[in-house]
C-alpha atoms as a PDB file:
ATOM      1  CA  UNK A   1      -1.430 -15.945  25.327  1.00  0.00           C
ATOM      2  CA  UNK A   2       0.126 -17.066  28.386  1.00  0.00           C
ATOM      3  CA  UNK A   3      -0.513 -15.149  31.380  1.00  0.00           C
ATOM      4  CA  UNK A   4       1.597 -12.599  33.533  1.00  0.00           C
ATOM      5  CA  UNK A   5       3.960 -11.973  30.802  1.00  0.00           C
ATOM      6  CA  UNK A   6       2.794  -8.967  28.476  1.00  0.00           C
ATOM      7  CA  UNK A   7       2.754  -5.520  29.584  1.00  0.00           C
ATOM      8  CA  UNK A   8      -0.187  -3.492  31.079  1.00  0.00           C
ATOM      9  CA  UNK A   9      -1.859  -2.403  27.886  1.00  0.00           C
ATOM     10  CA  UNK A  10      -3.514   1.506  28.960  1.00  0.00           C
ATOM     11  CA  UNK A  11      -5.004   4.655  28.021  1.00  0.00           C
ATOM     12  CA  UNK A  12      -2.419   7.045  28.026  1.00  0.00           C
ATOM     13  CA  UNK A  13      -2.291  10.880  26.455  1.00  0.00           C
ATOM     14  CA  UNK A  14       0.851  11.555  24.445  1.00  0.00           C
ATOM     15  CA  UNK A  15       1.644  15.226  24.835  1.00  0.00           C
ATOM     16  CA  UNK A  16       4.167  17.002  21.956  1.00  0.00           C
ATOM     17  CA  UNK A  17       5.780  19.636  24.093  1.00  0.00           C
ATOM     18  CA  UNK A  18       6.986  21.287  21.098  1.00  0.00           C
ATOM     19  CA  UNK A  19       3.411  22.136  19.091  1.00  0.00           C
ATOM     20  CA  UNK A  20       1.665  21.391  22.229  1.00  0.00           C
ATOM     21  CA  UNK A  21      -0.619  18.639  20.610  1.00  0.00           C
ATOM     22  CA  UNK A  22      -2.611  16.197  23.046  1.00  0.00           C
ATOM     23  CA  UNK A  23      -3.832  12.683  21.931  1.00  0.00           C
ATOM     24  CA  UNK A  24      -5.302   9.873  23.904  1.00  0.00           C
ATOM     25  CA  UNK A  25      -4.432   6.361  22.807  1.00  0.00           C
ATOM     26  CA  UNK A  26      -3.691   3.202  24.045  1.00  0.00           C
ATOM     27  CA  UNK A  27      -0.493   1.887  25.335  1.00  0.00           C
ATOM     28  CA  UNK A  28       2.402   0.085  27.172  1.00  0.00           C
ATOM     29  CA  UNK A  29       4.389   3.365  28.353  1.00  0.00           C
ATOM     30  CA  UNK A  30       3.612   4.782  31.892  1.00  0.00           C
ATOM     31  CA  UNK A  31       4.342   7.839  33.597  1.00  0.00           C
ATOM     32  CA  UNK A  32       3.154   8.969  36.846  1.00  0.00           C
ATOM     33  CA  UNK A  33       2.035  12.682  35.537  1.00  0.00           C
ATOM     34  CA  UNK A  34      -1.176  12.924  35.220  1.00  0.00           C
ATOM     35  CA  UNK A  35      -3.416  15.015  32.832  1.00  0.00           C
ATOM     36  CA  UNK A  36      -7.108  15.584  32.483  1.00  0.00           C
ATOM     37  CA  UNK A  37      -8.705  14.624  29.577  1.00  0.00           C
ATOM     38  CA  UNK A  38     -11.979  16.383  28.081  1.00  0.00           C
ATOM     39  CA  UNK A  39     -13.986  13.657  29.370  1.00  0.00           C
ATOM     40  CA  UNK A  40     -13.202  14.525  32.988  1.00  0.00           C
ATOM     41  CA  UNK A  41     -11.157  11.411  33.623  1.00  0.00           C
ATOM     42  CA  UNK A  42      -7.061  11.503  34.309  1.00  0.00           C
ATOM     43  CA  UNK A  43      -5.232   9.382  32.814  1.00  0.00           C
ATOM     44  CA  UNK A  44      -0.884   9.151  32.551  1.00  0.00           C
ATOM     45  CA  UNK A  45       0.495  11.543  30.007  1.00  0.00           C
ATOM     46  CA  UNK A  46       3.751  10.937  28.414  1.00  0.00           C
ATOM     47  CA  UNK A  47       5.787  13.887  27.107  1.00  0.00           C
ATOM     48  CA  UNK A  48       7.133  13.532  23.459  1.00  0.00           C
ATOM     49  CA  UNK A  49       9.342  15.786  21.432  1.00  0.00           C
ATOM     50  CA  UNK A  50       8.107  15.021  18.139  1.00  0.00           C
ATOM     51  CA  UNK A  51       4.755  13.315  16.775  1.00  0.00           C
ATOM     52  CA  UNK A  52       3.181  13.735  13.601  1.00  0.00           C
ATOM     53  CA  UNK A  53       2.036  17.231  14.906  1.00  0.00           C
ATOM     54  CA  UNK A  54       4.966  18.939  14.350  1.00  0.00           C
ATOM     55  CA  UNK A  55       7.031  16.298  12.452  1.00  0.00           C
ATOM     56  CA  UNK A  56       8.048  18.684   9.232  1.00  0.00           C
ATOM     57  CA  UNK A  57       7.139  15.414   7.192  1.00  0.00           C
ATOM     58  CA  UNK A  58       3.472  15.659   7.865  1.00  0.00           C
ATOM     59  CA  UNK A  59       3.221  19.807   8.482  1.00  0.00           C
ATOM     60  CA  UNK A  60       5.469  20.586   5.380  1.00  0.00           C
ATOM     61  CA  UNK A  61       7.472  23.196   7.313  1.00  0.00           C
ATOM     62  CA  UNK A  62      10.763  23.791   7.750  1.00  0.00           C
ATOM     63  CA  UNK A  63      12.212  23.459  11.375  1.00  0.00           C
ATOM     64  CA  UNK A  64      15.006  22.978  13.218  1.00  0.00           C
ATOM     65  CA  UNK A  65      14.422  22.393  16.765  1.00  0.00           C
ATOM     66  CA  UNK A  66      17.298  22.232  19.022  1.00  0.00           C
ATOM     67  CA  UNK A  67      15.876  19.621  22.136  1.00  0.00           C
ATOM     68  CA  UNK A  68      17.769  19.546  24.984  1.00  0.00           C
ATOM     69  CA  UNK A  69      20.813  21.210  23.918  1.00  0.00           C
ATOM     70  CA  UNK A  70      22.125  18.468  20.823  1.00  0.00           C
ATOM     71  CA  UNK A  71      24.399  20.741  19.224  1.00  0.00           C
ATOM     72  CA  UNK A  72      25.768  22.289  22.988  1.00  0.00           C
ATOM     73  CA  UNK A  73      26.465  18.943  24.114  1.00  0.00           C
ATOM     74  CA  UNK A  74      28.348  17.645  21.116  1.00  0.00           C
ATOM     75  CA  UNK A  75      30.504  20.700  20.920  1.00  0.00           C
ATOM     76  CA  UNK A  76      31.055  20.216  24.690  1.00  0.00           C
ATOM     77  CA  UNK A  77      31.961  16.344  23.488  1.00  0.00           C
ATOM     78  CA  UNK A  78      34.097  16.694  20.763  1.00  0.00           C
ATOM     79  CA  UNK A  79      35.887  20.218  21.358  1.00  0.00           C
ATOM     80  CA  UNK A  80      39.650  20.982  20.712  1.00  0.00           C
END
């Protein structure tokens, strides 16, 4: 591989805001926010709205999540 053309691959924590589920993995994403993990180390935290812990396909629950007011934003944009 060529040097200095690939992004850094670091350990991060993904945090599902709808189910409050956290998991530690590796990613090229970064964040200025950090969280202390169970092993005592601090890792960057990436907040996501949907993961396998909250997605209806994986949980079997029918759940409507209106995050960030998408319906209201649509109604304001196309209101006549």
